[in-house]
Amino acid sequence: MTGISTHVLDAALGRPAEGVPVRLTAPDGAVREGVTDADGRIADLLTAPPGPGVHRLTFDTAAYFAATGQTGFHPEVTVAFEVADGRQHVHVPLLLSPYSYTTYRGS
Protein backbone atom coordinates (compact mmCIF):
# COMPACT_ATOMS: atom_id res chain seq x y z
CA MET A 1 0.00 0.00 0.00
CA THR A 2 1.27 3.47 -0.85
CA GLY A 3 -0.12 6.93 -0.28
CA ILE A 4 -0.68 9.28 2.64
CA SER A 5 -3.10 8.87 5.54
CA THR A 6 -3.72 10.56 8.87
CA HIS A 7 -5.43 9.93 12.20
CA VAL A 8 -6.43 12.60 14.74
CA LEU A 9 -7.06 11.79 18.39
CA ASP A 10 -8.55 14.31 20.83
CA ALA A 11 -6.51 13.83 24.02
CA ALA A 12 -8.72 16.21 26.04
CA LEU A 13 -11.92 14.32 25.27
CA GLY A 14 -10.28 10.89 25.09
CA ARG A 15 -11.70 9.92 21.72
CA PRO A 16 -11.07 10.12 17.96
CA ALA A 17 -11.43 13.63 16.53
CA GLU A 18 -14.28 13.31 14.04
CA GLY A 19 -14.90 16.11 11.55
CA VAL A 20 -11.45 17.72 11.35
CA PRO A 21 -10.93 19.31 7.90
CA VAL A 22 -7.48 18.39 6.55
CA ARG A 23 -5.61 19.73 3.53
CA LEU A 24 -2.62 17.96 1.96
CA THR A 25 -0.30 20.12 -0.12
CA ALA A 26 2.22 18.26 -2.28
CA PRO A 27 5.64 19.63 -3.30
CA ASP A 28 4.27 20.57 -6.73
CA GLY A 29 1.45 22.60 -5.13
CA ALA A 30 -1.30 20.05 -5.77
CA VAL A 31 -3.92 20.06 -3.01
CA ARG A 32 -6.14 17.27 -1.70
CA GLU A 33 -8.70 17.74 1.04
CA GLY A 34 -10.67 15.51 3.36
CA VAL A 35 -12.45 15.36 6.70
CA THR A 36 -11.72 12.86 9.45
CA ASP A 37 -14.31 10.12 9.88
CA ALA A 38 -15.93 8.79 13.09
CA ASP A 39 -12.66 7.02 13.93
CA GLY A 40 -10.67 10.25 13.40
CA ARG A 41 -9.08 8.90 10.22
CA ILE A 42 -8.62 9.79 6.60
CA ALA A 43 -7.28 6.60 5.07
CA ASP A 44 -7.27 7.77 1.47
CA LEU A 45 -6.01 11.36 1.49
CA LEU A 46 -3.58 10.26 -1.20
CA THR A 47 -3.86 6.79 -2.69
CA ALA A 48 -1.08 7.12 -5.29
CA PRO A 49 2.61 6.95 -4.41
CA PRO A 50 3.61 10.31 -2.93
CA GLY A 51 6.27 12.15 -4.90
CA PRO A 52 9.56 12.98 -3.25
CA GLY A 53 9.90 16.28 -1.43
CA VAL A 54 8.24 18.24 1.35
CA HIS A 55 4.52 17.67 1.84
CA ARG A 56 2.28 19.59 4.24
CA LEU A 57 -0.78 18.47 6.16
CA THR A 58 -2.84 21.36 7.53
CA PHE A 59 -5.47 20.52 10.14
CA ASP A 60 -8.27 23.06 10.66
CA THR A 61 -8.35 22.74 14.43
CA ALA A 62 -10.40 25.93 14.89
CA ALA A 63 -13.34 24.34 13.06
CA TYR A 64 -13.00 21.16 15.12
CA PHE A 65 -12.75 22.98 18.45
CA ALA A 66 -15.78 25.14 17.61
CA ALA A 67 -17.82 22.06 16.67
CA THR A 68 -16.94 20.32 19.95
CA GLY A 69 -17.46 23.37 22.19
CA GLN A 70 -13.78 23.73 23.04
CA THR A 71 -11.58 26.80 22.90
CA GLY A 72 -8.18 26.14 21.37
CA PHE A 73 -4.89 28.00 21.24
CA HIS A 74 -3.83 26.71 17.80
CA PRO A 75 -6.41 27.58 15.09
CA GLU A 76 -4.57 25.29 12.71
CA VAL A 77 -1.77 22.78 12.84
CA THR A 78 0.56 22.37 9.87
CA VAL A 79 2.82 19.35 9.78
CA ALA A 80 5.56 19.45 7.15
CA PHE A 81 7.28 16.16 6.34
CA GLU A 82 9.71 15.00 3.70
CA VAL A 83 9.16 11.96 1.53
CA ALA A 84 12.34 10.40 0.22
CA ASP A 85 10.98 7.05 -0.95
CA GLY A 86 7.56 7.42 -2.56
CA ARG A 87 7.08 3.66 -2.67
CA GLN A 88 6.23 3.56 1.04
CA HIS A 89 2.97 4.49 2.73
CA VAL A 90 3.19 7.58 4.94
CA HIS A 91 0.88 7.80 7.97
CA VAL A 92 0.92 11.02 10.02
CA PRO A 93 -1.04 10.87 13.30
CA LEU A 94 -1.92 13.98 15.30
CA LEU A 95 -2.62 13.88 19.04
CA LEU A 96 -4.59 17.04 19.75
CA SER A 97 -5.70 19.01 22.79
CA PRO A 98 -6.81 22.64 23.08
CA TYR A 99 -3.36 23.91 24.10
CA SER A 100 -0.94 21.41 22.58
CA TYR A 101 -0.40 18.84 19.88
CA THR A 102 2.02 16.04 19.08
CA THR A 103 2.76 14.27 15.85
CA TYR A 104 5.01 11.49 14.66
CA ARG A 105 5.57 9.15 11.73
CA GLY A 106 3.05 6.37 12.15
CA SER A 107 2.80 3.02 10.44
PDB file of N, CA and C in Angstrom:
ATOM      1  N   MET A   1       0.842  -1.174   0.000  1.00  0.00           N
ATOM      2  CA  MET A   1       0.000   0.000   0.000  1.00  0.00           C
ATOM      3  C   MET A   1       0.891   1.242   0.000  1.00  0.00           C
ATOM      4  N   THR A   2       0.559   2.196  -0.823  1.00  0.00           N
ATOM      5  CA  THR A   2       1.266   3.474  -0.850  1.00  0.00           C
ATOM      6  C   THR A   2       0.257   4.597  -0.678  1.00  0.00           C
ATOM      7  N   GLY A   3       0.755   5.771  -0.437  1.00  0.00           N
ATOM      8  CA  GLY A   3      -0.117   6.927  -0.277  1.00  0.00           C
ATOM      9  C   GLY A   3       0.147   7.632   1.029  1.00  0.00           C
ATOM     10  N   ILE A   4      -0.791   8.509   1.409  1.00  0.00           N
ATOM     11  CA  ILE A   4      -0.681   9.283   2.644  1.00  0.00           C
ATOM     12  C   ILE A   4      -2.008   9.205   3.383  1.00  0.00           C
ATOM     13  N   SER A   5      -1.921   8.921   4.687  1.00  0.00           N
ATOM     14  CA  SER A   5      -3.105   8.872   5.538  1.00  0.00           C
ATOM     15  C   SER A   5      -2.817   9.611   6.838  1.00  0.00           C
ATOM     16  N   THR A   6      -3.884   9.885   7.585  1.00  0.00           N
ATOM     17  CA  THR A   6      -3.723  10.562   8.874  1.00  0.00           C
ATOM     18  C   THR A   6      -4.770  10.059   9.851  1.00  0.00           C
ATOM     19  N   HIS A   7      -4.536  10.339  11.117  1.00  0.00           N
ATOM     20  CA  HIS A   7      -5.426   9.932  12.205  1.00  0.00           C
ATOM     21  C   HIS A   7      -5.317  11.005  13.281  1.00  0.00           C
ATOM     22  N   VAL A   8      -6.442  11.545  13.719  1.00  0.00           N
ATOM     23  CA  VAL A   8      -6.432  12.595  14.741  1.00  0.00           C
ATOM     24  C   VAL A   8      -7.158  12.081  15.977  1.00  0.00           C
ATOM     25  N   LEU A   9      -6.472  12.175  17.118  1.00  0.00           N
ATOM     26  CA  LEU A   9      -7.056  11.791  18.394  1.00  0.00           C
ATOM     27  C   LEU A   9      -7.170  13.024  19.282  1.00  0.00           C
ATOM     28  N   ASP A  10      -8.324  13.201  19.916  1.00  0.00           N
ATOM     29  CA  ASP A  10      -8.545  14.315  20.828  1.00  0.00           C
ATOM     30  C   ASP A  10      -8.167  13.835  22.234  1.00  0.00           C
ATOM     31  N   ALA A  11      -7.008  14.266  22.716  1.00  0.00           N
ATOM     32  CA  ALA A  11      -6.507  13.827  24.021  1.00  0.00           C
ATOM     33  C   ALA A  11      -7.342  14.405  25.166  1.00  0.00           C
ATOM     34  N   ALA A  12      -7.924  15.582  24.976  1.00  0.00           N
ATOM     35  CA  ALA A  12      -8.718  16.208  26.035  1.00  0.00           C
ATOM     36  C   ALA A  12     -10.039  15.477  26.252  1.00  0.00           C
ATOM     37  N   LEU A  13     -10.642  15.012  25.169  1.00  0.00           N
ATOM     38  CA  LEU A  13     -11.921  14.317  25.273  1.00  0.00           C
ATOM     39  C   LEU A  13     -11.754  12.804  25.329  1.00  0.00           C
ATOM     40  N   GLY A  14     -10.546  12.327  25.027  1.00  0.00           N
ATOM     41  CA  GLY A  14     -10.279  10.893  25.092  1.00  0.00           C
ATOM     42  C   GLY A  14     -10.971  10.082  24.025  1.00  0.00           C
ATOM     43  N   ARG A  15     -11.035  10.637  22.813  1.00  0.00           N
ATOM     44  CA  ARG A  15     -11.701   9.921  21.717  1.00  0.00           C
ATOM     45  C   ARG A  15     -11.152  10.395  20.370  1.00  0.00           C
ATOM     46  N   PRO A  16     -11.483   9.673  19.291  1.00  0.00           N
ATOM     47  CA  PRO A  16     -11.073  10.123  17.962  1.00  0.00           C
ATOM     48  C   PRO A  16     -11.690  11.487  17.657  1.00  0.00           C
ATOM     49  N   ALA A  17     -10.967  12.292  16.906  1.00  0.00           N
ATOM     50  CA  ALA A  17     -11.434  13.633  16.527  1.00  0.00           C
ATOM     51  C   ALA A  17     -12.154  13.548  15.187  1.00  0.00           C
ATOM     52  N   GLU A  18     -13.454  13.397  15.249  1.00  0.00           N
ATOM     53  CA  GLU A  18     -14.282  13.314  14.043  1.00  0.00           C
ATOM     54  C   GLU A  18     -14.571  14.709  13.511  1.00  0.00           C
ATOM     55  N   GLY A  19     -14.497  14.866  12.184  1.00  0.00           N
ATOM     56  CA  GLY A  19     -14.896  16.111  11.547  1.00  0.00           C
ATOM     57  C   GLY A  19     -13.808  17.156  11.405  1.00  0.00           C
ATOM     58  N   VAL A  20     -12.543  16.761  11.512  1.00  0.00           N
ATOM     59  CA  VAL A  20     -11.446  17.718  11.347  1.00  0.00           C
ATOM     60  C   VAL A  20     -11.155  17.883   9.849  1.00  0.00           C
ATOM     61  N   PRO A  21     -11.314  19.082   9.298  1.00  0.00           N
ATOM     62  CA  PRO A  21     -10.932  19.310   7.902  1.00  0.00           C
ATOM     63  C   PRO A  21      -9.395  19.268   7.779  1.00  0.00           C
ATOM     64  N   VAL A  22      -8.921  18.550   6.756  1.00  0.00           N
ATOM     65  CA  VAL A  22      -7.479  18.386   6.554  1.00  0.00           C
ATOM     66  C   VAL A  22      -7.150  18.673   5.094  1.00  0.00           C
ATOM     67  N   ARG A  23      -6.072  19.425   4.886  1.00  0.00           N
ATOM     68  CA  ARG A  23      -5.607  19.732   3.530  1.00  0.00           C
ATOM     69  C   ARG A  23      -4.194  19.201   3.375  1.00  0.00           C
ATOM     70  N   LEU A  24      -3.946  18.467   2.308  1.00  0.00           N
ATOM     71  CA  LEU A  24      -2.622  17.965   1.961  1.00  0.00           C
ATOM     72  C   LEU A  24      -2.107  18.784   0.785  1.00  0.00           C
ATOM     73  N   THR A  25      -0.934  19.370   0.958  1.00  0.00           N
ATOM     74  CA  THR A  25      -0.299  20.117  -0.123  1.00  0.00           C
ATOM     75  C   THR A  25       0.979  19.387  -0.510  1.00  0.00           C
ATOM     76  N   ALA A  26       1.065  18.997  -1.765  1.00  0.00           N
ATOM     77  CA  ALA A  26       2.220  18.261  -2.283  1.00  0.00           C
ATOM     78  C   ALA A  26       3.320  19.247  -2.690  1.00  0.00           C
ATOM     79  N   PRO A  27       4.541  18.749  -2.904  1.00  0.00           N
ATOM     80  CA  PRO A  27       5.643  19.634  -3.298  1.00  0.00           C
ATOM     81  C   PRO A  27       5.368  20.425  -4.583  1.00  0.00           C
ATOM     82  N   ASP A  28       4.564  19.868  -5.467  1.00  0.00           N
ATOM     83  CA  ASP A  28       4.268  20.568  -6.728  1.00  0.00           C
ATOM     84  C   ASP A  28       3.098  21.548  -6.597  1.00  0.00           C
ATOM     85  N   GLY A  29       2.545  21.685  -5.368  1.00  0.00           N
ATOM     86  CA  GLY A  29       1.447  22.601  -5.130  1.00  0.00           C
ATOM     87  C   GLY A  29       0.066  21.983  -5.237  1.00  0.00           C
ATOM     88  N   ALA A  30      -0.008  20.725  -5.676  1.00  0.00           N
ATOM     89  CA  ALA A  30      -1.301  20.052  -5.765  1.00  0.00           C
ATOM     90  C   ALA A  30      -1.904  19.919  -4.366  1.00  0.00           C
ATOM     91  N   VAL A  31      -3.225  20.090  -4.294  1.00  0.00           N
ATOM     92  CA  VAL A  31      -3.918  20.056  -3.009  1.00  0.00           C
ATOM     93  C   VAL A  31      -4.993  18.979  -3.025  1.00  0.00           C
ATOM     94  N   ARG A  32      -5.066  18.236  -1.928  1.00  0.00           N
ATOM     95  CA  ARG A  32      -6.143  17.268  -1.704  1.00  0.00           C
ATOM     96  C   ARG A  32      -6.737  17.590  -0.352  1.00  0.00           C
ATOM     97  N   GLU A  33      -8.035  17.416  -0.219  1.00  0.00           N
ATOM     98  CA  GLU A  33      -8.703  17.741   1.042  1.00  0.00           C
ATOM     99  C   GLU A  33      -9.593  16.592   1.489  1.00  0.00           C
ATOM    100  N   GLY A  34      -9.784  16.517   2.786  1.00  0.00           N
ATOM    101  CA  GLY A  34     -10.666  15.511   3.355  1.00  0.00           C
ATOM    102  C   GLY A  34     -11.081  15.928   4.750  1.00  0.00           C
ATOM    103  N   VAL A  35     -11.961  15.125   5.347  1.00  0.00           N
ATOM    104  CA  VAL A  35     -12.449  15.362   6.700  1.00  0.00           C
ATOM    105  C   VAL A  35     -12.352  14.035   7.449  1.00  0.00           C
ATOM    106  N   THR A  36     -11.873  14.090   8.685  1.00  0.00           N
ATOM    107  CA  THR A  36     -11.719  12.858   9.455  1.00  0.00           C
ATOM    108  C   THR A  36     -13.082  12.206   9.711  1.00  0.00           C
ATOM    109  N   ASP A  37     -13.083  10.878   9.681  1.00  0.00           N
ATOM    110  CA  ASP A  37     -14.310  10.116   9.882  1.00  0.00           C
ATOM    111  C   ASP A  37     -14.574   9.889  11.376  1.00  0.00           C
ATOM    112  N   ALA A  38     -15.544   9.049  11.699  1.00  0.00           N
ATOM    113  CA  ALA A  38     -15.926   8.791  13.089  1.00  0.00           C
ATOM    114  C   ALA A  38     -14.783   8.203  13.908  1.00  0.00           C
ATOM    115  N   ASP A  39     -13.823   7.579  13.240  1.00  0.00           N
ATOM    116  CA  ASP A  39     -12.655   7.023  13.927  1.00  0.00           C
ATOM    117  C   ASP A  39     -11.481   8.005  13.918  1.00  0.00           C
ATOM    118  N   GLY A  40     -11.718   9.241  13.452  1.00  0.00           N
ATOM    119  CA  GLY A  40     -10.666  10.254  13.405  1.00  0.00           C
ATOM    120  C   GLY A  40      -9.676  10.058  12.271  1.00  0.00           C
ATOM    121  N   ARG A  41     -10.021   9.270  11.277  1.00  0.00           N
ATOM    122  CA  ARG A  41      -9.081   8.898  10.218  1.00  0.00           C
ATOM    123  C   ARG A  41      -9.481   9.437   8.843  1.00  0.00           C
ATOM    124  N   ILE A  42      -8.451   9.623   8.041  1.00  0.00           N
ATOM    125  CA  ILE A  42      -8.619   9.789   6.601  1.00  0.00           C
ATOM    126  C   ILE A  42      -7.624   8.803   5.998  1.00  0.00           C
ATOM    127  N   ALA A  43      -8.136   7.683   5.556  1.00  0.00           N
ATOM    128  CA  ALA A  43      -7.278   6.601   5.065  1.00  0.00           C
ATOM    129  C   ALA A  43      -6.805   6.835   3.642  1.00  0.00           C
ATOM    130  N   ASP A  44      -7.545   7.641   2.898  1.00  0.00           N
ATOM    131  CA  ASP A  44      -7.269   7.774   1.468  1.00  0.00           C
ATOM    132  C   ASP A  44      -7.011   9.211   1.036  1.00  0.00           C
ATOM    133  N   LEU A  45      -6.316   9.976   1.865  1.00  0.00           N
ATOM    134  CA  LEU A  45      -6.012  11.358   1.489  1.00  0.00           C
ATOM    135  C   LEU A  45      -5.223  11.389   0.185  1.00  0.00           C
ATOM    136  N   LEU A  46      -4.292  10.466   0.056  1.00  0.00           N
ATOM    137  CA  LEU A  46      -3.576  10.265  -1.204  1.00  0.00           C
ATOM    138  C   LEU A  46      -3.412   8.769  -1.374  1.00  0.00           C
ATOM    139  N   THR A  47      -3.933   8.227  -2.475  1.00  0.00           N
ATOM    140  CA  THR A  47      -3.855   6.785  -2.695  1.00  0.00           C
ATOM    141  C   THR A  47      -2.739   6.402  -3.657  1.00  0.00           C
ATOM    142  N   ALA A  48      -2.192   7.376  -4.367  1.00  0.00           N
ATOM    143  CA  ALA A  48      -1.078   7.124  -5.288  1.00  0.00           C
ATOM    144  C   ALA A  48       0.237   7.262  -4.517  1.00  0.00           C
ATOM    145  N   PRO A  49       1.321   6.752  -5.072  1.00  0.00           N
ATOM    146  CA  PRO A  49       2.608   6.953  -4.412  1.00  0.00           C
ATOM    147  C   PRO A  49       2.912   8.448  -4.280  1.00  0.00           C
ATOM    148  N   PRO A  50       3.292   8.893  -3.082  1.00  0.00           N
ATOM    149  CA  PRO A  50       3.613  10.310  -2.926  1.00  0.00           C
ATOM    150  C   PRO A  50       4.938  10.621  -3.599  1.00  0.00           C
ATOM    151  N   GLY A  51       5.008  11.745  -4.266  1.00  0.00           N
ATOM    152  CA  GLY A  51       6.265  12.148  -4.897  1.00  0.00           C
ATOM    153  C   GLY A  51       7.272  12.561  -3.847  1.00  0.00           C
ATOM    154  N   PRO A  52       8.539  12.556  -4.217  1.00  0.00           N
ATOM    155  CA  PRO A  52       9.557  12.983  -3.254  1.00  0.00           C
ATOM    156  C   PRO A  52       9.452  14.478  -2.979  1.00  0.00           C
ATOM    157  N   GLY A  53       9.896  14.871  -1.803  1.00  0.00           N
ATOM    158  CA  GLY A  53       9.898  16.280  -1.431  1.00  0.00           C
ATOM    159  C   GLY A  53       9.088  16.541  -0.178  1.00  0.00           C
ATOM    160  N   VAL A  54       8.928  17.824   0.124  1.00  0.00           N
ATOM    161  CA  VAL A  54       8.241  18.235   1.345  1.00  0.00           C
ATOM    162  C   VAL A  54       6.741  18.360   1.085  1.00  0.00           C
ATOM    163  N   HIS A  55       5.979  17.635   1.865  1.00  0.00           N
ATOM    164  CA  HIS A  55       4.520  17.669   1.838  1.00  0.00           C
ATOM    165  C   HIS A  55       4.048  18.371   3.105  1.00  0.00           C
ATOM    166  N   ARG A  56       2.835  18.920   3.070  1.00  0.00           N
ATOM    167  CA  ARG A  56       2.281  19.590   4.242  1.00  0.00           C
ATOM    168  C   ARG A  56       0.844  19.130   4.480  1.00  0.00           C
ATOM    169  N   LEU A  57       0.579  18.738   5.716  1.00  0.00           N
ATOM    170  CA  LEU A  57      -0.782  18.469   6.159  1.00  0.00           C
ATOM    171  C   LEU A  57      -1.206  19.630   7.048  1.00  0.00           C
ATOM    172  N   THR A  58      -2.322  20.257   6.724  1.00  0.00           N
ATOM    173  CA  THR A  58      -2.837  21.358   7.530  1.00  0.00           C
ATOM    174  C   THR A  58      -4.188  20.936   8.098  1.00  0.00           C
ATOM    175  N   PHE A  59      -4.273  20.926   9.416  1.00  0.00           N
ATOM    176  CA  PHE A  59      -5.465  20.516  10.142  1.00  0.00           C
ATOM    177  C   PHE A  59      -6.203  21.774  10.610  1.00  0.00           C
ATOM    178  N   ASP A  60      -7.468  21.914  10.255  1.00  0.00           N
ATOM    179  CA  ASP A  60      -8.274  23.061  10.656  1.00  0.00           C
ATOM    180  C   ASP A  60      -8.823  22.798  12.056  1.00  0.00           C
ATOM    181  N   THR A  61      -7.978  23.027  13.048  1.00  0.00           N
ATOM    182  CA  THR A  61      -8.354  22.736  14.426  1.00  0.00           C
ATOM    183  C   THR A  61      -9.386  23.730  14.961  1.00  0.00           C
ATOM    184  N   ALA A  62      -9.402  24.948  14.449  1.00  0.00           N
ATOM    185  CA  ALA A  62     -10.405  25.931  14.894  1.00  0.00           C
ATOM    186  C   ALA A  62     -11.813  25.422  14.605  1.00  0.00           C
ATOM    187  N   ALA A  63     -12.024  24.877  13.419  1.00  0.00           N
ATOM    188  CA  ALA A  63     -13.345  24.344  13.061  1.00  0.00           C
ATOM    189  C   ALA A  63     -13.716  23.181  13.971  1.00  0.00           C
ATOM    190  N   TYR A  64     -12.747  22.307  14.246  1.00  0.00           N
ATOM    191  CA  TYR A  64     -13.002  21.163  15.115  1.00  0.00           C
ATOM    192  C   TYR A  64     -13.323  21.615  16.540  1.00  0.00           C
ATOM    193  N   PHE A  65     -12.516  22.512  17.090  1.00  0.00           N
ATOM    194  CA  PHE A  65     -12.753  22.976  18.453  1.00  0.00           C
ATOM    195  C   PHE A  65     -14.116  23.659  18.570  1.00  0.00           C
ATOM    196  N   ALA A  66     -14.474  24.472  17.586  1.00  0.00           N
ATOM    197  CA  ALA A  66     -15.781  25.141  17.606  1.00  0.00           C
ATOM    198  C   ALA A  66     -16.913  24.112  17.591  1.00  0.00           C
ATOM    199  N   ALA A  67     -16.773  23.082  16.784  1.00  0.00           N
ATOM    200  CA  ALA A  67     -17.818  22.061  16.670  1.00  0.00           C
ATOM    201  C   ALA A  67     -17.961  21.229  17.941  1.00  0.00           C
ATOM    202  N   THR A  68     -16.899  21.138  18.733  1.00  0.00           N
ATOM    203  CA  THR A  68     -16.940  20.324  19.954  1.00  0.00           C
ATOM    204  C   THR A  68     -17.063  21.176  21.211  1.00  0.00           C
ATOM    205  N   GLY A  69     -17.263  22.492  21.047  1.00  0.00           N
ATOM    206  CA  GLY A  69     -17.457  23.372  22.190  1.00  0.00           C
ATOM    207  C   GLY A  69     -16.202  23.643  22.999  1.00  0.00           C
ATOM    208  N   GLN A  70     -15.047  23.473  22.363  1.00  0.00           N
ATOM    209  CA  GLN A  70     -13.781  23.728  23.035  1.00  0.00           C
ATOM    210  C   GLN A  70     -13.177  25.033  22.516  1.00  0.00           C
ATOM    211  N   THR A  71     -12.340  25.642  23.325  1.00  0.00           N
ATOM    212  CA  THR A  71     -11.580  26.804  22.901  1.00  0.00           C
ATOM    213  C   THR A  71     -10.137  26.363  22.770  1.00  0.00           C
ATOM    214  N   GLY A  72      -9.542  26.587  21.607  1.00  0.00           N
ATOM    215  CA  GLY A  72      -8.178  26.145  21.371  1.00  0.00           C
ATOM    216  C   GLY A  72      -7.211  27.292  21.162  1.00  0.00           C
ATOM    217  N   PHE A  73      -5.963  27.023  21.422  1.00  0.00           N
ATOM    218  CA  PHE A  73      -4.892  27.996  21.243  1.00  0.00           C
ATOM    219  C   PHE A  73      -4.378  28.014  19.805  1.00  0.00           C
ATOM    220  N   HIS A  74      -4.343  26.851  19.166  1.00  0.00           N
ATOM    221  CA  HIS A  74      -3.831  26.714  17.795  1.00  0.00           C
ATOM    222  C   HIS A  74      -5.016  26.609  16.828  1.00  0.00           C
ATOM    223  N   PRO A  75      -5.288  27.654  16.020  1.00  0.00           N
ATOM    224  CA  PRO A  75      -6.409  27.579  15.093  1.00  0.00           C
ATOM    225  C   PRO A  75      -6.170  26.605  13.937  1.00  0.00           C
ATOM    226  N   GLU A  76      -4.911  26.318  13.688  1.00  0.00           N
ATOM    227  CA  GLU A  76      -4.568  25.285  12.713  1.00  0.00           C
ATOM    228  C   GLU A  76      -3.232  24.688  13.101  1.00  0.00           C
ATOM    229  N   VAL A  77      -3.041  23.474  12.637  1.00  0.00           N
ATOM    230  CA  VAL A  77      -1.768  22.783  12.841  1.00  0.00           C
ATOM    231  C   VAL A  77      -1.270  22.371  11.466  1.00  0.00           C
ATOM    232  N   THR A  78      -0.048  22.785  11.130  1.00  0.00           N
ATOM    233  CA  THR A  78       0.560  22.370   9.872  1.00  0.00           C
ATOM    234  C   THR A  78       1.753  21.487  10.183  1.00  0.00           C
ATOM    235  N   VAL A  79       1.740  20.311   9.599  1.00  0.00           N
ATOM    236  CA  VAL A  79       2.821  19.351   9.780  1.00  0.00           C
ATOM    237  C   VAL A  79       3.515  19.188   8.431  1.00  0.00           C
ATOM    238  N   ALA A  80       4.756  19.618   8.373  1.00  0.00           N
ATOM    239  CA  ALA A  80       5.561  19.445   7.154  1.00  0.00           C
ATOM    240  C   ALA A  80       6.409  18.198   7.334  1.00  0.00           C
ATOM    241  N   PHE A  81       6.476  17.378   6.287  1.00  0.00           N
ATOM    242  CA  PHE A  81       7.285  16.165   6.343  1.00  0.00           C
ATOM    243  C   PHE A  81       7.876  15.900   4.965  1.00  0.00           C
ATOM    244  N   GLU A  82       9.019  15.256   4.964  1.00  0.00           N
ATOM    245  CA  GLU A  82       9.713  15.001   3.704  1.00  0.00           C
ATOM    246  C   GLU A  82       9.619  13.536   3.316  1.00  0.00           C
ATOM    247  N   VAL A  83       9.233  13.311   2.090  1.00  0.00           N
ATOM    248  CA  VAL A  83       9.156  11.963   1.527  1.00  0.00           C
ATOM    249  C   VAL A  83      10.385  11.741   0.661  1.00  0.00           C
ATOM    250  N   ALA A  84      11.161  10.735   1.009  1.00  0.00           N
ATOM    251  CA  ALA A  84      12.341  10.398   0.216  1.00  0.00           C
ATOM    252  C   ALA A  84      12.042   9.228  -0.714  1.00  0.00           C
ATOM    253  N   ASP A  85      11.301   8.257  -0.194  1.00  0.00           N
ATOM    254  CA  ASP A  85      10.982   7.046  -0.953  1.00  0.00           C
ATOM    255  C   ASP A  85       9.468   6.978  -1.132  1.00  0.00           C
ATOM    256  N   GLY A  86       8.984   7.379  -2.284  1.00  0.00           N
ATOM    257  CA  GLY A  86       7.556   7.418  -2.558  1.00  0.00           C
ATOM    258  C   GLY A  86       6.905   6.065  -2.702  1.00  0.00           C
ATOM    259  N   ARG A  87       7.663   5.004  -2.566  1.00  0.00           N
ATOM    260  CA  ARG A  87       7.081   3.660  -2.667  1.00  0.00           C
ATOM    261  C   ARG A  87       6.483   3.201  -1.346  1.00  0.00           C
ATOM    262  N   GLN A  88       6.742   3.947  -0.274  1.00  0.00           N
ATOM    263  CA  GLN A  88       6.232   3.564   1.038  1.00  0.00           C
ATOM    264  C   GLN A  88       4.995   4.381   1.395  1.00  0.00           C
ATOM    265  N   HIS A  89       4.136   3.773   2.216  1.00  0.00           N
ATOM    266  CA  HIS A  89       2.971   4.488   2.726  1.00  0.00           C
ATOM    267  C   HIS A  89       3.428   5.424   3.849  1.00  0.00           C
ATOM    268  N   VAL A  90       2.864   6.617   3.892  1.00  0.00           N
ATOM    269  CA  VAL A  90       3.191   7.581   4.940  1.00  0.00           C
ATOM    270  C   VAL A  90       1.919   7.825   5.752  1.00  0.00           C
ATOM    271  N   HIS A  91       2.013   7.572   7.059  1.00  0.00           N
ATOM    272  CA  HIS A  91       0.883   7.801   7.969  1.00  0.00           C
ATOM    273  C   HIS A  91       1.322   8.826   9.003  1.00  0.00           C
ATOM    274  N   VAL A  92       0.558   9.927   9.123  1.00  0.00           N
ATOM    275  CA  VAL A  92       0.920  11.022  10.020  1.00  0.00           C
ATOM    276  C   VAL A  92      -0.198  11.222  11.042  1.00  0.00           C
ATOM    277  N   PRO A  93      -0.044  10.668  12.254  1.00  0.00           N
ATOM    278  CA  PRO A  93      -1.039  10.872  13.303  1.00  0.00           C
ATOM    279  C   PRO A  93      -0.858  12.225  13.991  1.00  0.00           C
ATOM    280  N   LEU A  94      -1.948  12.742  14.529  1.00  0.00           N
ATOM    281  CA  LEU A  94      -1.924  13.985  15.300  1.00  0.00           C
ATOM    282  C   LEU A  94      -2.678  13.733  16.601  1.00  0.00           C
ATOM    283  N   LEU A  95      -2.000  13.944  17.718  1.00  0.00           N
ATOM    284  CA  LEU A  95      -2.615  13.881  19.039  1.00  0.00           C
ATOM    285  C   LEU A  95      -2.889  15.322  19.443  1.00  0.00           C
ATOM    286  N   LEU A  96      -4.157  15.653  19.635  1.00  0.00           N
ATOM    287  CA  LEU A  96      -4.593  17.043  19.754  1.00  0.00           C
ATOM    288  C   LEU A  96      -5.243  17.317  21.095  1.00  0.00           C
ATOM    289  N   SER A  97      -4.968  18.478  21.646  1.00  0.00           N
ATOM    290  CA  SER A  97      -5.701  19.014  22.793  1.00  0.00           C
ATOM    291  C   SER A  97      -5.802  20.524  22.581  1.00  0.00           C
ATOM    292  N   PRO A  98      -6.631  21.213  23.342  1.00  0.00           N
ATOM    293  CA  PRO A  98      -6.814  22.645  23.076  1.00  0.00           C
ATOM    294  C   PRO A  98      -5.540  23.488  23.154  1.00  0.00           C
ATOM    295  N   TYR A  99      -4.551  23.071  23.926  1.00  0.00           N
ATOM    296  CA  TYR A  99      -3.362  23.905  24.098  1.00  0.00           C
ATOM    297  C   TYR A  99      -2.059  23.230  23.691  1.00  0.00           C
ATOM    298  N   SER A 100      -2.156  22.071  23.049  1.00  0.00           N
ATOM    299  CA  SER A 100      -0.936  21.411  22.583  1.00  0.00           C
ATOM    300  C   SER A 100      -1.281  20.379  21.519  1.00  0.00           C
ATOM    301  N   TYR A 101      -0.248  19.936  20.830  1.00  0.00           N
ATOM    302  CA  TYR A 101      -0.397  18.839  19.883  1.00  0.00           C
ATOM    303  C   TYR A 101       0.943  18.120  19.743  1.00  0.00           C
ATOM    304  N   THR A 102       0.852  16.871  19.318  1.00  0.00           N
ATOM    305  CA  THR A 102       2.022  16.044  19.079  1.00  0.00           C
ATOM    306  C   THR A 102       1.784  15.269  17.806  1.00  0.00           C
ATOM    307  N   THR A 103       2.854  15.060  17.065  1.00  0.00           N
ATOM    308  CA  THR A 103       2.761  14.271  15.849  1.00  0.00           C
ATOM    309  C   THR A 103       3.993  13.403  15.718  1.00  0.00           C
ATOM    310  N   TYR A 104       3.901  12.388  14.881  1.00  0.00           N
ATOM    311  CA  TYR A 104       5.014  11.488  14.655  1.00  0.00           C
ATOM    312  C   TYR A 104       4.763  10.729  13.365  1.00  0.00           C
ATOM    313  N   ARG A 105       5.759   9.996  12.906  1.00  0.00           N
ATOM    314  CA  ARG A 105       5.567   9.146  11.728  1.00  0.00           C
ATOM    315  C   ARG A 105       4.957   7.840  12.196  1.00  0.00           C
ATOM    316  N   GLY A 106       3.751   7.590  11.774  1.00  0.00           N
ATOM    317  CA  GLY A 106       3.052   6.365  12.150  1.00  0.00           C
ATOM    318  C   GLY A 106       3.359   5.254  11.169  1.00  0.00           C
ATOM    319  N   SER A 107       2.615   4.166  11.339  1.00  0.00           N
ATOM    320  CA  SER A 107       2.799   3.016  10.440  1.00  0.00           C
ATOM    321  C   SER A 107       1.472   2.578   9.872  1.00  0.00           C
TER     322      SER A 107
END
